[in-house]
Amino acid sequence: SVSKRLSVVSRLPFIQEQLFALFDLVPGLEYCDVQRD
C-alpha cells in the first residue's frame, strides 16, 4: 500500500538539513520532520 508519506530509519541520528537536502532531490518534497529518541 503506497502513500505520499514515508518513514525513514537509520542506526545513526539524522541532521535535519542534510536529510532534507537528500530527499529534496526528488521533486515535490513538502516536509521533512526529523524525530529524536
PDB file of all heavy atoms in Angstrom:
ATOM      1  N   SER A   1       0.848  -1.181   0.000  1.00  0.00           N
ATOM      2  CA  SER A   1       0.000   0.000   0.000  1.00  0.00           C
ATOM      3  C   SER A   1       0.882   1.228   0.000  1.00  0.00           C
ATOM      4  O   SER A   1       1.739   1.404   0.861  1.00  0.00           O
ATOM      5  CB  SER A   1      -0.901  -0.010   1.243  1.00  0.00           C
ATOM      6  OG  SER A   1      -1.673   1.163   1.293  1.00  0.00           O
ATOM      7  N   VAL A   2       0.674   2.104  -0.981  1.00  0.00           N
ATOM      8  CA  VAL A   2       1.532   3.270  -1.121  1.00  0.00           C
ATOM      9  C   VAL A   2       0.833   4.512  -0.586  1.00  0.00           C
ATOM     10  O   VAL A   2      -0.380   4.541  -0.410  1.00  0.00           O
ATOM     11  CB  VAL A   2       1.943   3.495  -2.599  1.00  0.00           C
ATOM     12  CG1 VAL A   2       2.651   2.278  -3.146  1.00  0.00           C
ATOM     13  CG2 VAL A   2       0.730   3.841  -3.445  1.00  0.00           C
ATOM     14  N   SER A   3       1.624   5.549  -0.310  1.00  0.00           N
ATOM     15  CA  SER A   3       1.075   6.823   0.130  1.00  0.00           C
ATOM     16  C   SER A   3       2.079   7.912  -0.212  1.00  0.00           C
ATOM     17  O   SER A   3       3.148   7.640  -0.751  1.00  0.00           O
ATOM     18  CB  SER A   3       0.814   6.800   1.637  1.00  0.00           C
ATOM     19  OG  SER A   3       2.033   6.835   2.351  1.00  0.00           O
ATOM     20  N   LYS A   4       1.739   9.144   0.116  1.00  0.00           N
ATOM     21  CA  LYS A   4       2.631  10.274  -0.130  1.00  0.00           C
ATOM     22  C   LYS A   4       3.655  10.440   0.994  1.00  0.00           C
ATOM     23  O   LYS A   4       4.556  11.261   0.891  1.00  0.00           O
ATOM     24  CB  LYS A   4       1.823  11.568  -0.261  1.00  0.00           C
ATOM     25  CG  LYS A   4       0.776  11.550  -1.365  1.00  0.00           C
ATOM     26  CD  LYS A   4      -0.066  12.810  -1.299  1.00  0.00           C
ATOM     27  CE  LYS A   4      -1.220  12.742  -2.289  1.00  0.00           C
ATOM     28  NZ  LYS A   4      -2.099  13.938  -2.192  1.00  0.00           N
ATOM     29  N   ARG A   5       3.490   9.665   2.071  1.00  0.00           N
ATOM     30  CA  ARG A   5       4.318   9.851   3.263  1.00  0.00           C
ATOM     31  C   ARG A   5       5.242   8.659   3.466  1.00  0.00           C
ATOM     32  O   ARG A   5       4.844   7.504   3.281  1.00  0.00           O
ATOM     33  CB  ARG A   5       3.408  10.028   4.480  1.00  0.00           C
ATOM     34  CG  ARG A   5       4.135  10.500   5.732  1.00  0.00           C
ATOM     35  CD  ARG A   5       3.132  10.758   6.849  1.00  0.00           C
ATOM     36  NE  ARG A   5       2.174  11.795   6.487  1.00  0.00           N
ATOM     37  CZ  ARG A   5       1.052  12.026   7.150  1.00  0.00           C
ATOM     38  NH1 ARG A   5       0.735  11.265   8.188  1.00  0.00           N
ATOM     39  NH2 ARG A   5       0.243  12.985   6.781  1.00  0.00           N
ATOM     40  N   LEU A   6       6.477   8.935   3.864  1.00  0.00           N
ATOM     41  CA  LEU A   6       7.481   7.892   4.063  1.00  0.00           C
ATOM     42  C   LEU A   6       8.061   7.972   5.464  1.00  0.00           C
ATOM     43  O   LEU A   6       8.188   9.050   6.045  1.00  0.00           O
ATOM     44  CB  LEU A   6       8.626   8.051   3.056  1.00  0.00           C
ATOM     45  CG  LEU A   6       8.285   7.968   1.567  1.00  0.00           C
ATOM     46  CD1 LEU A   6       9.493   8.380   0.735  1.00  0.00           C
ATOM     47  CD2 LEU A   6       7.835   6.569   1.199  1.00  0.00           C
ATOM     48  N   SER A   7       8.435   6.805   5.997  1.00  0.00           N
ATOM     49  CA  SER A   7       9.193   6.730   7.242  1.00  0.00           C
ATOM     50  C   SER A   7      10.623   6.346   6.887  1.00  0.00           C
ATOM     51  O   SER A   7      10.853   5.404   6.128  1.00  0.00           O
ATOM     52  CB  SER A   7       8.585   5.684   8.169  1.00  0.00           C
ATOM     53  OG  SER A   7       9.429   5.446   9.287  1.00  0.00           O
ATOM     54  N   VAL A   8      11.581   7.081   7.448  1.00  0.00           N
ATOM     55  CA  VAL A   8      12.998   6.819   7.177  1.00  0.00           C
ATOM     56  C   VAL A   8      13.691   6.505   8.497  1.00  0.00           C
ATOM     57  O   VAL A   8      13.577   7.271   9.461  1.00  0.00           O
ATOM     58  CB  VAL A   8      13.678   8.039   6.514  1.00  0.00           C
ATOM     59  CG1 VAL A   8      15.104   7.680   6.102  1.00  0.00           C
ATOM     60  CG2 VAL A   8      12.888   8.513   5.313  1.00  0.00           C
ATOM     61  N   VAL A   9      14.386   5.378   8.546  1.00  0.00           N
ATOM     62  CA  VAL A   9      15.040   4.936   9.777  1.00  0.00           C
ATOM     63  C   VAL A   9      16.493   4.598   9.477  1.00  0.00           C
ATOM     64  O   VAL A   9      16.810   4.042   8.414  1.00  0.00           O
ATOM     65  CB  VAL A   9      14.325   3.695  10.369  1.00  0.00           C
ATOM     66  CG1 VAL A   9      15.016   3.240  11.647  1.00  0.00           C
ATOM     67  CG2 VAL A   9      12.855   3.992  10.645  1.00  0.00           C
ATOM     68  N   SER A  10      17.371   4.931  10.416  1.00  0.00           N
ATOM     69  CA  SER A  10      18.771   4.532  10.291  1.00  0.00           C
ATOM     70  C   SER A  10      19.331   4.301  11.695  1.00  0.00           C
ATOM     71  O   SER A  10      18.726   4.693  12.690  1.00  0.00           O
ATOM     72  CB  SER A  10      19.592   5.607   9.564  1.00  0.00           C
ATOM     73  OG  SER A  10      20.019   6.599  10.460  1.00  0.00           O
ATOM     74  N   ARG A  11      20.496   3.662  11.757  1.00  0.00           N
ATOM     75  CA  ARG A  11      21.100   3.402  13.069  1.00  0.00           C
ATOM     76  C   ARG A  11      21.870   4.605  13.592  1.00  0.00           C
ATOM     77  O   ARG A  11      22.300   4.619  14.732  1.00  0.00           O
ATOM     78  CB  ARG A  11      22.004   2.166  13.013  1.00  0.00           C
ATOM     79  CG  ARG A  11      23.109   2.244  12.007  1.00  0.00           C
ATOM     80  CD  ARG A  11      23.868   0.932  11.913  1.00  0.00           C
ATOM     81  NE  ARG A  11      24.910   0.979  10.904  1.00  0.00           N
ATOM     82  CZ  ARG A  11      26.108   1.511  11.076  1.00  0.00           C
ATOM     83  NH1 ARG A  11      26.411   2.063  12.239  1.00  0.00           N
ATOM     84  NH2 ARG A  11      27.007   1.505  10.102  1.00  0.00           N
ATOM     85  N   LEU A  12      22.041   5.639  12.764  1.00  0.00           N
ATOM     86  CA  LEU A  12      22.688   6.878  13.182  1.00  0.00           C
ATOM     87  C   LEU A  12      21.674   8.016  13.184  1.00  0.00           C
ATOM     88  O   LEU A  12      20.736   8.007  12.389  1.00  0.00           O
ATOM     89  CB  LEU A  12      23.843   7.231  12.226  1.00  0.00           C
ATOM     90  CG  LEU A  12      25.024   6.271  12.175  1.00  0.00           C
ATOM     91  CD1 LEU A  12      26.057   6.759  11.156  1.00  0.00           C
ATOM     92  CD2 LEU A  12      25.665   6.127  13.553  1.00  0.00           C
ATOM     93  N   PRO A  13      21.832   8.997  14.064  1.00  0.00           N
ATOM     94  CA  PRO A  13      20.884  10.116  14.088  1.00  0.00           C
ATOM     95  C   PRO A  13      20.982  10.955  12.820  1.00  0.00           C
ATOM     96  O   PRO A  13      22.035  11.029  12.188  1.00  0.00           O
ATOM     97  CB  PRO A  13      21.318  10.919  15.321  1.00  0.00           C
ATOM     98  CG  PRO A  13      22.751  10.556  15.533  1.00  0.00           C
ATOM     99  CD  PRO A  13      22.890   9.134  15.099  1.00  0.00           C
ATOM    100  N   PHE A  14      19.862  11.583  12.450  1.00  0.00           N
ATOM    101  CA  PHE A  14      19.821  12.419  11.257  1.00  0.00           C
ATOM    102  C   PHE A  14      20.108  13.883  11.604  1.00  0.00           C
ATOM    103  O   PHE A  14      19.807  14.345  12.694  1.00  0.00           O
ATOM    104  CB  PHE A  14      18.435  12.363  10.600  1.00  0.00           C
ATOM    105  CG  PHE A  14      18.098  11.025  10.013  1.00  0.00           C
ATOM    106  CD1 PHE A  14      16.890  10.409  10.311  1.00  0.00           C
ATOM    107  CD2 PHE A  14      18.963  10.388   9.140  1.00  0.00           C
ATOM    108  CE1 PHE A  14      16.562   9.192   9.764  1.00  0.00           C
ATOM    109  CE2 PHE A  14      18.648   9.166   8.585  1.00  0.00           C
ATOM    110  CZ  PHE A  14      17.436   8.561   8.899  1.00  0.00           C
ATOM    111  N   ILE A  15      20.664  14.590  10.628  1.00  0.00           N
ATOM    112  CA  ILE A  15      20.759  16.046  10.697  1.00  0.00           C
ATOM    113  C   ILE A  15      19.685  16.588   9.757  1.00  0.00           C
ATOM    114  O   ILE A  15      19.646  16.225   8.577  1.00  0.00           O
ATOM    115  CB  ILE A  15      22.146  16.540  10.275  1.00  0.00           C
ATOM    116  CG1 ILE A  15      23.210  16.004  11.244  1.00  0.00           C
ATOM    117  CG2 ILE A  15      22.200  18.066  10.207  1.00  0.00           C
ATOM    118  CD1 ILE A  15      24.637  16.309  10.825  1.00  0.00           C
ATOM    119  N   GLN A  16      18.790  17.397  10.306  1.00  0.00           N
ATOM    120  CA  GLN A  16      17.613  17.867   9.568  1.00  0.00           C
ATOM    121  C   GLN A  16      17.963  18.408   8.181  1.00  0.00           C
ATOM    122  O   GLN A  16      17.384  17.993   7.177  1.00  0.00           O
ATOM    123  CB  GLN A  16      16.903  18.955  10.390  1.00  0.00           C
ATOM    124  CG  GLN A  16      15.751  19.645   9.673  1.00  0.00           C
ATOM    125  CD  GLN A  16      14.452  18.889   9.759  1.00  0.00           C
ATOM    126  OE1 GLN A  16      14.230  18.136  10.694  1.00  0.00           O
ATOM    127  NE2 GLN A  16      13.595  19.074   8.776  1.00  0.00           N
ATOM    128  N   GLU A  17      18.923  19.321   8.112  1.00  0.00           N
ATOM    129  CA  GLU A  17      19.242  19.971   6.844  1.00  0.00           C
ATOM    130  C   GLU A  17      19.781  18.983   5.812  1.00  0.00           C
ATOM    131  O   GLU A  17      19.451  19.059   4.622  1.00  0.00           O
ATOM    132  CB  GLU A  17      20.268  21.097   7.065  1.00  0.00           C
ATOM    133  CG  GLU A  17      19.759  22.274   7.873  1.00  0.00           C
ATOM    134  CD  GLU A  17      19.701  21.982   9.373  1.00  0.00           C
ATOM    135  OE1 GLU A  17      20.262  20.938   9.803  1.00  0.00           O
ATOM    136  OE2 GLU A  17      19.096  22.776  10.110  1.00  0.00           O
ATOM    137  N   GLN A  18      20.603  18.032   6.266  1.00  0.00           N
ATOM    138  CA  GLN A  18      21.185  17.071   5.336  1.00  0.00           C
ATOM    139  C   GLN A  18      20.135  16.110   4.790  1.00  0.00           C
ATOM    140  O   GLN A  18      20.114  15.801   3.599  1.00  0.00           O
ATOM    141  CB  GLN A  18      22.304  16.291   6.034  1.00  0.00           C
ATOM    142  CG  GLN A  18      23.515  17.142   6.361  1.00  0.00           C
ATOM    143  CD  GLN A  18      24.610  16.360   7.056  1.00  0.00           C
ATOM    144  OE1 GLN A  18      24.411  15.214   7.452  1.00  0.00           O
ATOM    145  NE2 GLN A  18      25.772  16.973   7.218  1.00  0.00           N
ATOM    146  N   LEU A  19      19.250  15.642   5.675  1.00  0.00           N
ATOM    147  CA  LEU A  19      18.217  14.705   5.212  1.00  0.00           C
ATOM    148  C   LEU A  19      17.245  15.416   4.270  1.00  0.00           C
ATOM    149  O   LEU A  19      16.812  14.840   3.262  1.00  0.00           O
ATOM    150  CB  LEU A  19      17.463  14.121   6.414  1.00  0.00           C
ATOM    151  CG  LEU A  19      16.618  12.884   6.102  1.00  0.00           C
ATOM    152  CD1 LEU A  19      17.511  11.693   5.753  1.00  0.00           C
ATOM    153  CD2 LEU A  19      15.719  12.510   7.275  1.00  0.00           C
ATOM    154  N   PHE A  20      16.902  16.659   4.590  1.00  0.00           N
ATOM    155  CA  PHE A  20      16.014  17.432   3.722  1.00  0.00           C
ATOM    156  C   PHE A  20      16.633  17.574   2.334  1.00  0.00           C
ATOM    157  O   PHE A  20      15.970  17.376   1.315  1.00  0.00           O
ATOM    158  CB  PHE A  20      15.750  18.812   4.329  1.00  0.00           C
ATOM    159  CG  PHE A  20      14.770  19.643   3.546  1.00  0.00           C
ATOM    160  CD1 PHE A  20      13.435  19.669   3.886  1.00  0.00           C
ATOM    161  CD2 PHE A  20      15.195  20.403   2.456  1.00  0.00           C
ATOM    162  CE1 PHE A  20      12.530  20.435   3.153  1.00  0.00           C
ATOM    163  CE2 PHE A  20      14.294  21.158   1.713  1.00  0.00           C
ATOM    164  CZ  PHE A  20      12.952  21.176   2.072  1.00  0.00           C
ATOM    165  N   ALA A  21      17.928  17.915   2.294  1.00  0.00           N
ATOM    166  CA  ALA A  21      18.607  18.099   1.014  1.00  0.00           C
ATOM    167  C   ALA A  21      18.620  16.806   0.200  1.00  0.00           C
ATOM    168  O   ALA A  21      18.468  16.832  -1.028  1.00  0.00           O
ATOM    169  CB  ALA A  21      20.035  18.589   1.243  1.00  0.00           C
ATOM    170  N   LEU A  22      18.782  15.666   0.869  1.00  0.00           N
ATOM    171  CA  LEU A  22      18.804  14.379   0.174  1.00  0.00           C
ATOM    172  C   LEU A  22      17.454  14.070  -0.456  1.00  0.00           C
ATOM    173  O   LEU A  22      17.367  13.740  -1.640  1.00  0.00           O
ATOM    174  CB  LEU A  22      19.200  13.266   1.159  1.00  0.00           C
ATOM    175  CG  LEU A  22      19.207  11.842   0.583  1.00  0.00           C
ATOM    176  CD1 LEU A  22      20.265  11.714  -0.517  1.00  0.00           C
ATOM    177  CD2 LEU A  22      19.461  10.824   1.680  1.00  0.00           C
ATOM    178  N   PHE A  23      16.379  14.184   0.311  1.00  0.00           N
ATOM    179  CA  PHE A  23      15.053  13.833  -0.207  1.00  0.00           C
ATOM    180  C   PHE A  23      14.473  14.923  -1.108  1.00  0.00           C
ATOM    181  O   PHE A  23      13.563  14.658  -1.885  1.00  0.00           O
ATOM    182  CB  PHE A  23      14.103  13.497   0.947  1.00  0.00           C
ATOM    183  CG  PHE A  23      14.292  12.102   1.474  1.00  0.00           C
ATOM    184  CD1 PHE A  23      15.278  11.825   2.409  1.00  0.00           C
ATOM    185  CD2 PHE A  23      13.517  11.048   1.011  1.00  0.00           C
ATOM    186  CE1 PHE A  23      15.483  10.534   2.875  1.00  0.00           C
ATOM    187  CE2 PHE A  23      13.710   9.753   1.479  1.00  0.00           C
ATOM    188  CZ  PHE A  23      14.694   9.490   2.413  1.00  0.00           C
ATOM    189  N   ASP A  24      15.017  16.131  -1.032  1.00  0.00           N
ATOM    190  CA  ASP A  24      14.565  17.214  -1.896  1.00  0.00           C
ATOM    191  C   ASP A  24      15.082  17.043  -3.321  1.00  0.00           C
ATOM    192  O   ASP A  24      14.661  17.762  -4.226  1.00  0.00           O
ATOM    193  CB  ASP A  24      15.025  18.566  -1.329  1.00  0.00           C
ATOM    194  CG  ASP A  24      14.275  19.738  -1.933  1.00  0.00           C
ATOM    195  OD1 ASP A  24      13.082  19.561  -2.266  1.00  0.00           O
ATOM    196  OD2 ASP A  24      14.850  20.822  -2.068  1.00  0.00           O
ATOM    197  N   LEU A  25      15.991  16.077  -3.535  1.00  0.00           N
ATOM    198  CA  LEU A  25      16.430  15.769  -4.898  1.00  0.00           C
ATOM    199  C   LEU A  25      15.281  15.214  -5.734  1.00  0.00           C
ATOM    200  O   LEU A  25      15.285  15.306  -6.954  1.00  0.00           O
ATOM    201  CB  LEU A  25      17.583  14.761  -4.867  1.00  0.00           C
ATOM    202  CG  LEU A  25      18.914  15.282  -4.305  1.00  0.00           C
ATOM    203  CD1 LEU A  25      19.910  14.149  -4.161  1.00  0.00           C
ATOM    204  CD2 LEU A  25      19.477  16.374  -5.192  1.00  0.00           C
ATOM    205  N   VAL A  26      14.298  14.609  -5.069  1.00  0.00           N
ATOM    206  CA  VAL A  26      13.093  14.134  -5.762  1.00  0.00           C
ATOM    207  C   VAL A  26      12.074  15.268  -5.737  1.00  0.00           C
ATOM    208  O   VAL A  26      11.755  15.790  -4.673  1.00  0.00           O
ATOM    209  CB  VAL A  26      12.522  12.875  -5.080  1.00  0.00           C
ATOM    210  CG1 VAL A  26      11.231  12.434  -5.764  1.00  0.00           C
ATOM    211  CG2 VAL A  26      13.541  11.748  -5.097  1.00  0.00           C
ATOM    212  N   PRO A  27      11.556  15.686  -6.897  1.00  0.00           N
ATOM    213  CA  PRO A  27      10.621  16.814  -6.936  1.00  0.00           C
ATOM    214  C   PRO A  27       9.380  16.570  -6.076  1.00  0.00           C
ATOM    215  O   PRO A  27       8.875  15.457  -5.992  1.00  0.00           O
ATOM    216  CB  PRO A  27      10.237  16.907  -8.418  1.00  0.00           C
ATOM    217  CG  PRO A  27      11.370  16.267  -9.143  1.00  0.00           C
ATOM    218  CD  PRO A  27      11.868  15.172  -8.248  1.00  0.00           C
ATOM    219  N   GLY A  28       8.886  17.628  -5.453  1.00  0.00           N
ATOM    220  CA  GLY A  28       7.614  17.564  -4.741  1.00  0.00           C
ATOM    221  C   GLY A  28       7.705  17.386  -3.245  1.00  0.00           C
ATOM    222  O   GLY A  28       6.690  17.109  -2.591  1.00  0.00           O
ATOM    223  N   LEU A  29       8.895  17.545  -2.642  1.00  0.00           N
ATOM    224  CA  LEU A  29       9.013  17.382  -1.193  1.00  0.00           C
ATOM    225  C   LEU A  29       8.227  18.483  -0.470  1.00  0.00           C
ATOM    226  O   LEU A  29       8.415  19.668  -0.738  1.00  0.00           O
ATOM    227  CB  LEU A  29      10.484  17.441  -0.773  1.00  0.00           C
ATOM    228  CG  LEU A  29      10.762  17.281   0.730  1.00  0.00           C
ATOM    229  CD1 LEU A  29      10.339  15.902   1.223  1.00  0.00           C
ATOM    230  CD2 LEU A  29      12.231  17.521   1.035  1.00  0.00           C
ATOM    231  N   GLU A  30       7.331  18.071   0.432  1.00  0.00           N
ATOM    232  CA  GLU A  30       6.528  19.039   1.183  1.00  0.00           C
ATOM    233  C   GLU A  30       7.124  19.305   2.559  1.00  0.00           C
ATOM    234  O   GLU A  30       7.188  20.449   2.996  1.00  0.00           O
ATOM    235  CB  GLU A  30       5.082  18.547   1.322  1.00  0.00           C
ATOM    236  CG  GLU A  30       4.316  18.589  -0.002  1.00  0.00           C
ATOM    237  CD  GLU A  30       2.838  18.315   0.177  1.00  0.00           C
ATOM    238  OE1 GLU A  30       2.468  17.634   1.164  1.00  0.00           O
ATOM    239  OE2 GLU A  30       2.055  18.790  -0.666  1.00  0.00           O
ATOM    240  N   TYR A  31       7.520  18.248   3.272  1.00  0.00           N
ATOM    241  CA  TYR A  31       8.209  18.483   4.540  1.00  0.00           C
ATOM    242  C   TYR A  31       9.058  17.285   4.934  1.00  0.00           C
ATOM    243  O   TYR A  31       8.848  16.162   4.472  1.00  0.00           O
ATOM    244  CB  TYR A  31       7.231  18.846   5.664  1.00  0.00           C
ATOM    245  CG  TYR A  31       6.341  17.732   6.160  1.00  0.00           C
ATOM    246  CD1 TYR A  31       6.808  16.755   7.045  1.00  0.00           C
ATOM    247  CD2 TYR A  31       5.010  17.678   5.792  1.00  0.00           C
ATOM    248  CE1 TYR A  31       5.996  15.759   7.516  1.00  0.00           C
ATOM    249  CE2 TYR A  31       4.173  16.673   6.260  1.00  0.00           C
ATOM    250  CZ  TYR A  31       4.664  15.716   7.130  1.00  0.00           C
ATOM    251  OH  TYR A  31       3.846  14.723   7.589  1.00  0.00           O
ATOM    252  N   CYS A  32      10.030  17.565   5.807  1.00  0.00           N
ATOM    253  CA  CYS A  32      10.924  16.538   6.354  1.00  0.00           C
ATOM    254  C   CYS A  32      10.991  16.785   7.854  1.00  0.00           C
ATOM    255  O   CYS A  32      11.483  17.823   8.291  1.00  0.00           O
ATOM    256  CB  CYS A  32      12.303  16.652   5.704  1.00  0.00           C
ATOM    257  SG  CYS A  32      13.589  15.687   6.523  1.00  0.00           S
ATOM    258  N   ASP A  33      10.491  15.851   8.626  1.00  0.00           N
ATOM    259  CA  ASP A  33      10.419  16.012  10.081  1.00  0.00           C
ATOM    260  C   ASP A  33      11.308  14.973  10.754  1.00  0.00           C
ATOM    261  O   ASP A  33      10.992  13.779  10.763  1.00  0.00           O
ATOM    262  CB  ASP A  33       8.961  15.862  10.546  1.00  0.00           C
ATOM    263  CG  ASP A  33       8.822  16.027  12.048  1.00  0.00           C
ATOM    264  OD1 ASP A  33       9.689  16.679  12.656  1.00  0.00           O
ATOM    265  OD2 ASP A  33       7.850  15.490  12.626  1.00  0.00           O
ATOM    266  N   VAL A  34      12.449  15.422  11.275  1.00  0.00           N
ATOM    267  CA  VAL A  34      13.365  14.529  11.984  1.00  0.00           C
ATOM    268  C   VAL A  34      12.906  14.391  13.433  1.00  0.00           C
ATOM    269  O   VAL A  34      12.707  15.395  14.122  1.00  0.00           O
ATOM    270  CB  VAL A  34      14.811  15.058  11.931  1.00  0.00           C
ATOM    271  CG1 VAL A  34      15.719  14.250  12.846  1.00  0.00           C
ATOM    272  CG2 VAL A  34      15.328  15.012  10.502  1.00  0.00           C
ATOM    273  N   GLN A  35      12.715  13.144  13.864  1.00  0.00           N
ATOM    274  CA  GLN A  35      12.247  12.878  15.227  1.00  0.00           C
ATOM    275  C   GLN A  35      13.376  12.244  16.027  1.00  0.00           C
ATOM    276  O   GLN A  35      14.026  11.314  15.562  1.00  0.00           O
ATOM    277  CB  GLN A  35      11.011  11.970  15.177  1.00  0.00           C
ATOM    278  CG  GLN A  35       9.879  12.593  14.367  1.00  0.00           C
ATOM    279  CD  GLN A  35       8.736  11.633  14.126  1.00  0.00           C
ATOM    280  OE1 GLN A  35       8.814  10.461  14.480  1.00  0.00           O
ATOM    281  NE2 GLN A  35       7.664  12.125  13.520  1.00  0.00           N
ATOM    282  N   ARG A  36      13.605  12.741  17.216  1.00  0.00           N
ATOM    283  CA  ARG A  36      14.721  12.270  18.042  1.00  0.00           C
ATOM    284  C   ARG A  36      14.208  11.423  19.208  1.00  0.00           C
ATOM    285  O   ARG A  36      13.250  11.779  19.879  1.00  0.00           O
ATOM    286  CB  ARG A  36      15.516  13.466  18.572  1.00  0.00           C
ATOM    287  CG  ARG A  36      16.014  14.370  17.457  1.00  0.00           C
ATOM    288  CD  ARG A  36      16.961  15.431  17.985  1.00  0.00           C
ATOM    289  NE  ARG A  36      17.349  16.359  16.920  1.00  0.00           N
ATOM    290  CZ  ARG A  36      18.275  16.109  16.011  1.00  0.00           C
ATOM    291  NH1 ARG A  36      18.919  14.962  16.034  1.00  0.00           N
ATOM    292  NH2 ARG A  36      18.567  16.999  15.080  1.00  0.00           N
ATOM    293  N   ASP A  37      14.863  10.292  19.419  1.00  0.00           N
ATOM    294  CA  ASP A  37      14.556   9.413  20.542  1.00  0.00           C
ATOM    295  C   ASP A  37      15.663   9.585  21.586  1.00  0.00           C
ATOM    296  O   ASP A  37      16.820   9.231  21.330  1.00  0.00           O
ATOM    297  CB  ASP A  37      14.491   7.956  20.062  1.00  0.00           C
ATOM    298  CG  ASP A  37      14.060   7.012  21.169  1.00  0.00           C
ATOM    299  OD1 ASP A  37      14.134   7.410  22.349  1.00  0.00           O
ATOM    300  OD2 ASP A  37      13.660   5.876  20.858  1.00  0.00           O
TER     301      ASP A  37
END
